[in-house]
Amino acid sequence: MSPLGGTLVARNVGRSWRYRRILRPVSRVGLVLGGGGITGAAFQFGALLALQLATGWDPNRAEVVVGTSCGALTGAMVRGDQLNLETFVGQAANRDEVAELLRSRVFRRARPSGTVRWLRRGILPGLRRPDLNLVLGSPAVFTTLGLADWVGDALGDRAGGWPNHPTVVVAYDLAARKRVPFGTEAAPPTQLKLAVAASAAVPGVFQPVRIRDRWYLDGGIASGTSLDLVLGSESPLDLVIVVAPLAAAERRPGARFYEDIFDRFGRSALEAEVALVKQHWPDTDILILRPDQRVLAVTRPNPMATEAAVPTFLRTIRSMKHELAAPPTWSLLSKHLVAG
């Protein structure tokens, strides 16, 4: 397969955003990267590097990349040709150094602010309808601008613009209470590094990110994957690969109650999005890569644990060796990704 080129043209059409591209006659692949914290990013790096080693397919050849939360960070590295181990661990020599490096990148302290914003955008709506609204926009001691700097350090000047290939970063508009697909004409133009920072701003942990005159939070509030956004492609894709850290198919033994809640929410949302894509594109193959029990044992119960990044990456590489070689999976990969 040859590297893809073209210009993104998008317009809002209700539940989807459309793209027009000039294409070569090869399998058209979409890549959807869901949320999942620090261990979710480690899982995605491991899964995509294993996929590349097994098939020779470069994830940056994807027709469209959709990234949410940690998937936005991974997607930015994919589009910046920085999907490599050094991007993730830098010059760290051991697990402790990796954990400290990630901690400095992800958990940048900031003075808590935004009490009035929280009152207007979180508490008052939450009192009318008690739910996640109560924590939306709440003051937090960390900022995701460290992630923006990480993207900037890795991608250089490209982090201040937007990829040439169709790339969608999903965030959540705090005032409008809806997801926003940065990278399409349905969203305001912004820098890639700021969109990543907004997409990863977990409520209650990180401060909202201001882009122009609006505040944004983690895109996972609306959906852990936003798979349906691939329907923005003007013609059907042949294969969509979904890497979903928080949609495990099985319950981890001894899991805490909230782990099961996150997984059930992730699975149900993903299943609905798969059904929608299949409704519009019945001939499109969809491959979902999820953490298995071996990976879950180190990614849980805290997906934000920096010390779990290296164990997650290593176990993902091992688990993908079996997952990608499984006959149903390898059949799809051979059909769409393996040259010859």
Protein backbone atom coordinates (compact mmCIF):
# COMPACT_ATOMS: atom_id res chain seq x y z
CA MET A 1 0.00 0.00 0.00
CA SER A 2 1.20 3.50 -0.79
CA PRO A 3 1.08 6.45 1.61
CA LEU A 4 -2.17 8.29 1.31
CA GLY A 5 -2.57 11.89 0.30
CA GLY A 6 -5.43 14.32 -0.10
CA THR A 7 -7.28 17.11 1.55
CA LEU A 8 -9.98 16.79 4.18
CA VAL A 9 -13.34 18.39 3.36
CA ALA A 10 -15.99 17.95 6.04
CA ARG A 11 -19.53 19.09 6.59
CA ASN A 12 -21.98 18.42 9.38
CA VAL A 13 -24.67 15.96 8.33
CA GLY A 14 -26.38 15.22 11.62
CA ARG A 15 -24.72 12.27 13.29
CA SER A 16 -21.77 12.07 10.88
CA TRP A 17 -19.18 14.26 9.20
CA ARG A 18 -18.23 13.63 5.59
CA TYR A 19 -14.79 13.62 4.00
CA ARG A 20 -13.79 13.70 0.33
CA ARG A 21 -10.43 12.30 -0.76
CA ILE A 22 -8.63 11.41 -3.99
CA LEU A 23 -7.70 7.77 -3.46
CA ARG A 24 -5.68 4.98 -4.93
CA PRO A 25 -7.41 1.62 -5.58
CA VAL A 26 -6.32 -0.14 -2.37
CA SER A 27 -8.08 -1.28 0.78
CA ARG A 28 -9.39 1.75 2.60
CA VAL A 29 -8.78 1.41 6.33
CA GLY A 30 -10.07 3.50 9.23
CA LEU A 31 -8.37 3.58 12.63
CA VAL A 32 -10.39 4.36 15.77
CA LEU A 33 -8.50 4.83 19.03
CA GLY A 34 -10.60 4.91 22.20
CA GLY A 35 -9.99 6.34 25.65
CA GLY A 36 -8.33 4.53 28.53
CA GLY A 37 -5.87 6.66 30.48
CA ILE A 38 -2.11 6.11 30.64
CA THR A 39 -2.40 2.34 30.50
CA GLY A 40 -4.79 2.75 27.58
CA ALA A 41 -2.13 4.65 25.65
CA ALA A 42 0.42 1.94 26.48
CA PHE A 43 -2.04 -0.67 25.21
CA GLN A 44 -2.57 1.26 21.98
CA PHE A 45 1.14 1.74 21.35
CA GLY A 46 1.72 -1.97 21.94
CA ALA A 47 -1.23 -3.09 19.81
CA LEU A 48 -0.38 -0.84 16.86
CA LEU A 49 3.32 -1.68 16.91
CA ALA A 50 2.45 -5.39 17.03
CA LEU A 51 0.03 -4.90 14.15
CA GLN A 52 2.71 -3.13 12.14
CA LEU A 53 5.27 -5.86 12.83
CA ALA A 54 2.81 -8.61 11.92
CA THR A 55 1.51 -7.12 8.67
CA GLY A 56 3.93 -4.44 7.51
CA TRP A 57 1.04 -1.95 7.45
CA ASP A 58 1.83 1.55 8.70
CA PRO A 59 -1.07 2.92 10.80
CA ASN A 60 -0.40 6.36 9.29
CA ARG A 61 -1.76 4.96 6.02
CA ALA A 62 -5.24 4.89 7.55
CA GLU A 63 -7.82 6.81 5.53
CA VAL A 64 -9.06 8.47 8.69
CA VAL A 65 -7.90 8.36 12.31
CA VAL A 66 -10.41 9.05 15.08
CA GLY A 67 -8.91 9.57 18.53
CA THR A 68 -10.58 10.07 21.90
CA SER A 69 -8.79 10.94 25.16
CA CYS A 70 -5.60 8.85 25.27
CA GLY A 71 -6.52 7.76 21.75
CA ALA A 72 -6.16 11.39 20.68
CA LEU A 73 -2.55 11.35 21.91
CA THR A 74 -1.85 8.05 20.16
CA GLY A 75 -3.55 9.29 16.99
CA ALA A 76 -1.41 12.43 16.97
CA MET A 77 1.73 10.30 17.22
CA VAL A 78 0.46 8.07 14.40
CA ARG A 79 -0.14 11.04 12.11
CA GLY A 80 3.20 12.55 13.08
CA ASP A 81 5.11 9.33 12.23
CA GLN A 82 6.13 9.11 15.88
CA LEU A 83 4.53 5.78 16.78
CA ASN A 84 7.63 4.28 18.34
CA LEU A 85 8.93 3.20 21.71
CA GLU A 86 11.17 6.24 22.13
CA THR A 87 8.17 8.56 21.82
CA PHE A 88 6.55 6.81 24.76
CA VAL A 89 9.51 6.19 27.09
CA GLY A 90 12.07 8.75 25.91
CA GLN A 91 15.57 8.01 27.24
CA ALA A 92 14.32 6.32 30.41
CA ALA A 93 16.41 3.29 31.32
CA ASN A 94 14.01 1.37 33.57
CA ARG A 95 10.38 1.16 34.69
CA ASP A 96 10.80 3.64 37.50
CA GLU A 97 12.29 6.23 35.16
CA VAL A 98 9.50 5.63 32.63
CA ALA A 99 6.89 6.14 35.37
CA GLU A 100 8.55 9.37 36.48
CA LEU A 101 8.81 10.64 32.90
CA LEU A 102 5.13 9.93 32.23
CA ARG A 103 4.15 11.50 35.54
CA SER A 104 5.96 14.71 34.60
CA ARG A 105 4.29 14.75 31.18
CA VAL A 106 0.76 13.90 32.23
CA PHE A 107 0.31 15.26 35.76
CA ARG A 108 1.36 18.87 35.47
CA ARG A 109 0.16 20.76 38.51
CA ALA A 110 -1.86 23.94 38.20
CA ARG A 111 -3.58 26.25 40.63
CA PRO A 112 -7.21 25.09 40.92
CA SER A 113 -9.52 27.61 39.26
CA GLY A 114 -12.91 27.83 37.60
CA THR A 115 -15.27 27.72 40.58
CA VAL A 116 -17.76 30.07 38.91
CA ARG A 117 -17.57 28.05 35.70
CA TRP A 118 -18.22 24.87 37.69
CA LEU A 119 -21.22 26.44 39.38
CA ARG A 120 -22.74 27.52 36.07
CA ARG A 121 -21.77 24.55 33.91
CA GLY A 122 -21.68 21.69 36.40
CA ILE A 123 -23.47 22.11 39.70
CA LEU A 124 -26.62 23.90 38.53
CA PRO A 125 -27.28 21.54 35.56
CA GLY A 126 -26.37 18.62 37.83
CA LEU A 127 -28.97 19.61 40.41
CA ARG A 128 -31.65 19.56 37.73
CA ARG A 129 -30.49 16.17 36.49
CA PRO A 130 -28.03 14.50 38.88
CA ASP A 131 -25.38 12.71 36.83
CA LEU A 132 -21.87 13.33 35.57
CA ASN A 133 -22.80 17.00 35.22
CA LEU A 134 -21.92 17.52 38.87
CA VAL A 135 -18.19 17.13 38.18
CA LEU A 136 -18.05 18.65 34.70
CA GLY A 137 -15.82 21.69 34.78
CA SER A 138 -14.91 21.29 38.45
CA PRO A 139 -11.62 22.82 39.64
CA ALA A 140 -8.73 20.37 39.43
CA VAL A 141 -5.09 20.35 40.48
CA PHE A 142 -3.74 19.08 37.14
CA THR A 143 -3.70 20.45 33.61
CA THR A 144 -3.38 18.55 30.32
CA LEU A 145 -1.15 21.24 28.85
CA GLY A 146 1.74 18.90 29.66
CA LEU A 147 0.26 16.56 27.06
CA ALA A 148 0.19 19.45 24.60
CA ASP A 149 3.90 19.99 25.23
CA TRP A 150 4.52 16.24 24.77
CA VAL A 151 2.85 16.37 21.35
CA GLY A 152 4.78 19.54 20.56
CA ASP A 153 8.12 17.98 21.53
CA ALA A 154 7.41 14.86 19.43
CA LEU A 155 5.92 16.51 16.35
CA GLY A 156 7.59 19.90 16.29
CA ASP A 157 5.90 22.52 14.13
CA ARG A 158 3.31 19.97 12.97
CA ALA A 159 1.75 20.04 16.44
CA GLY A 160 0.78 23.67 15.88
CA GLY A 161 -1.22 22.84 12.77
CA TRP A 162 -3.31 19.88 11.65
CA PRO A 163 -2.36 16.65 9.81
CA ASN A 164 -2.78 16.61 6.04
CA HIS A 165 -4.58 13.26 6.23
CA PRO A 166 -8.11 13.10 7.73
CA THR A 167 -7.74 13.14 11.51
CA VAL A 168 -10.49 13.64 14.08
CA VAL A 169 -9.87 14.42 17.75
CA VAL A 170 -13.00 14.11 19.88
CA ALA A 171 -13.61 16.45 22.81
CA TYR A 172 -16.68 17.49 24.78
CA ASP A 173 -18.06 21.04 24.75
CA LEU A 174 -18.77 21.92 28.39
CA ALA A 175 -21.41 24.57 27.64
CA ALA A 176 -23.18 22.90 24.71
CA ARG A 177 -23.07 19.43 26.34
CA LYS A 178 -22.08 17.67 23.13
CA ARG A 179 -19.07 16.06 21.54
CA VAL A 180 -16.98 18.11 19.15
CA PRO A 181 -14.98 16.45 16.33
CA PHE A 182 -11.92 18.67 15.92
CA GLY A 183 -10.45 18.26 12.46
CA THR A 184 -13.77 18.67 10.66
CA GLU A 185 -15.70 21.72 9.56
CA ALA A 186 -18.20 20.94 12.32
CA ALA A 187 -15.60 22.17 14.85
CA PRO A 188 -13.54 25.35 15.14
CA PRO A 189 -10.01 25.14 13.73
CA THR A 190 -7.32 24.69 16.36
CA GLN A 191 -3.85 23.31 16.91
CA LEU A 192 -3.48 19.54 17.09
CA LYS A 193 -1.70 19.72 20.46
CA LEU A 194 -4.53 21.77 22.01
CA ALA A 195 -7.18 19.41 20.66
CA VAL A 196 -5.30 16.48 22.23
CA ALA A 197 -5.11 18.33 25.56
CA ALA A 198 -8.86 19.03 25.45
CA SER A 199 -9.76 15.46 24.47
CA ALA A 200 -7.80 14.05 27.43
CA ALA A 201 -9.10 16.41 30.14
CA VAL A 202 -10.75 13.86 32.44
CA PRO A 203 -13.37 15.62 34.64
CA GLY A 204 -12.32 16.07 38.25
CA VAL A 205 -8.71 15.17 37.47
CA PHE A 206 -7.75 17.77 34.87
CA GLN A 207 -8.89 21.31 34.29
CA PRO A 208 -10.99 21.98 31.18
CA VAL A 209 -9.08 23.31 28.19
CA ARG A 210 -10.05 26.59 26.61
CA ILE A 211 -10.02 26.77 22.82
CA ARG A 212 -11.05 30.14 21.50
CA ASP A 213 -14.02 31.17 23.65
CA ARG A 214 -15.20 27.71 24.76
CA TRP A 215 -14.17 25.12 27.34
CA TYR A 216 -13.63 21.47 26.50
CA LEU A 217 -13.28 18.21 28.41
CA ASP A 218 -12.53 14.55 27.76
CA GLY A 219 -14.27 13.30 24.61
CA GLY A 220 -14.94 10.01 26.40
CA ILE A 221 -17.81 11.71 28.23
CA ALA A 222 -19.87 11.29 25.05
CA SER A 223 -18.37 8.01 23.82
CA GLY A 224 -15.29 6.00 24.58
CA THR A 225 -14.63 5.43 20.88
CA SER A 226 -16.91 7.55 18.62
CA LEU A 227 -16.59 4.85 15.96
CA ASP A 228 -19.59 6.28 14.09
CA LEU A 229 -17.50 9.27 13.01
CA VAL A 230 -15.85 7.12 10.35
CA LEU A 231 -19.14 7.44 8.48
CA GLY A 232 -17.84 10.85 7.47
CA SER A 233 -15.99 9.10 4.67
CA GLU A 234 -17.81 9.79 1.41
CA SER A 235 -17.45 6.16 0.34
CA PRO A 236 -17.36 3.08 2.59
CA LEU A 237 -14.15 1.93 4.17
CA ASP A 238 -13.06 -1.67 3.61
CA LEU A 239 -11.83 -2.23 7.16
CA VAL A 240 -12.12 -0.30 10.42
CA ILE A 241 -9.70 -1.17 13.21
CA VAL A 242 -10.86 -0.17 16.69
CA VAL A 243 -8.42 -0.20 19.62
CA ALA A 244 -10.64 0.01 22.72
CA PRO A 245 -8.83 -0.13 26.09
CA LEU A 246 -12.02 0.43 28.14
CA ALA A 247 -14.33 -2.03 26.41
CA ALA A 248 -13.00 -5.34 27.70
CA ALA A 249 -15.09 -8.34 26.69
CA GLU A 250 -14.59 -10.17 29.98
CA ARG A 251 -14.67 -9.08 33.60
CA ARG A 252 -11.33 -9.08 35.38
CA PRO A 253 -11.32 -11.48 38.36
CA GLY A 254 -11.57 -9.44 41.53
CA ALA A 255 -12.42 -6.27 39.60
CA ARG A 256 -13.71 -3.27 41.48
CA PHE A 257 -17.29 -2.27 40.76
CA TYR A 258 -16.39 0.79 38.70
CA GLU A 259 -14.20 -1.25 36.35
CA ASP A 260 -17.21 -3.27 35.28
CA ILE A 261 -19.27 -0.07 34.91
CA PHE A 262 -16.66 1.47 32.58
CA ASP A 263 -16.38 -1.72 30.53
CA ARG A 264 -20.13 -2.18 30.23
CA PHE A 265 -20.56 1.45 29.20
CA GLY A 266 -17.72 1.12 26.71
CA ARG A 267 -19.05 -2.13 25.25
CA SER A 268 -22.64 -0.93 24.92
CA ALA A 269 -21.63 2.34 23.26
CA LEU A 270 -19.25 0.52 20.93
CA GLU A 271 -21.84 -2.11 20.03
CA ALA A 272 -24.33 0.62 19.10
CA GLU A 273 -21.71 2.36 16.97
CA VAL A 274 -20.74 -0.90 15.25
CA ALA A 275 -24.42 -1.51 14.45
CA LEU A 276 -24.73 1.98 12.98
CA VAL A 277 -21.65 1.55 10.79
CA LYS A 278 -22.85 -1.87 9.60
CA GLN A 279 -26.26 -0.41 8.84
CA HIS A 280 -24.70 2.13 6.47
CA TRP A 281 -21.77 0.01 5.28
CA PRO A 282 -22.84 -3.66 5.44
CA ASP A 283 -19.75 -4.87 3.57
CA THR A 284 -17.24 -3.11 5.84
CA ASP A 285 -15.16 -5.37 8.08
CA ILE A 286 -14.64 -4.21 11.67
CA LEU A 287 -11.81 -5.49 13.85
CA ILE A 288 -11.89 -4.63 17.57
CA LEU A 289 -8.73 -5.04 19.64
CA ARG A 290 -9.36 -5.12 23.40
CA PRO A 291 -7.20 -5.94 26.43
CA ASP A 292 -7.41 -9.57 27.50
CA GLN A 293 -7.16 -10.90 31.05
CA ARG A 294 -3.36 -10.80 31.03
CA VAL A 295 -3.36 -7.13 30.09
CA LEU A 296 -6.26 -6.24 32.40
CA ALA A 297 -4.32 -7.65 35.33
CA VAL A 298 -1.83 -4.76 35.04
CA THR A 299 -3.97 -1.97 33.55
CA ARG A 300 -6.51 -2.06 36.39
CA PRO A 301 -7.78 -0.86 38.78
CA ASN A 302 -6.20 2.53 38.02
CA PRO A 303 -5.79 3.36 34.29
CA MET A 304 -3.93 6.55 35.27
CA ALA A 305 -1.12 4.69 37.08
CA THR A 306 2.15 5.66 35.39
CA GLU A 307 3.99 2.72 36.96
CA ALA A 308 1.71 0.34 35.04
CA ALA A 309 2.66 1.69 31.60
CA VAL A 310 5.64 -0.58 30.91
CA PRO A 311 3.98 -3.79 32.18
CA THR A 312 0.91 -2.92 30.08
CA PHE A 313 2.99 -2.39 26.95
CA LEU A 314 4.92 -5.64 27.40
CA ARG A 315 1.84 -7.74 28.09
CA THR A 316 0.05 -6.17 25.15
CA ILE A 317 2.86 -7.20 22.80
CA ARG A 318 2.60 -10.77 24.12
CA SER A 319 -1.18 -10.91 23.96
CA MET A 320 -1.28 -9.44 20.44
CA LYS A 321 1.01 -12.22 19.23
CA HIS A 322 -1.88 -14.63 19.85
CA GLU A 323 -4.73 -12.23 19.05
CA LEU A 324 -3.45 -11.24 15.62
CA ALA A 325 -2.57 -14.84 14.72
CA ALA A 326 -6.08 -16.12 15.55
CA PRO A 327 -7.67 -17.37 12.29
CA PRO A 328 -10.62 -14.91 12.23
CA THR A 329 -8.34 -11.94 12.90
CA TRP A 330 -5.54 -12.99 10.57
CA SER A 331 -8.07 -13.58 7.81
CA LEU A 332 -9.13 -9.92 7.98
CA LEU A 333 -5.55 -8.69 8.22
CA SER A 334 -4.46 -10.81 5.26
CA LYS A 335 -7.40 -9.56 3.23
CA HIS A 336 -6.79 -5.85 3.82
CA LEU A 337 -3.30 -5.17 5.17
CA VAL A 338 -0.79 -7.82 4.14
CA ALA A 339 0.92 -7.06 0.83
CA GLY A 340 0.74 -9.78 -1.80
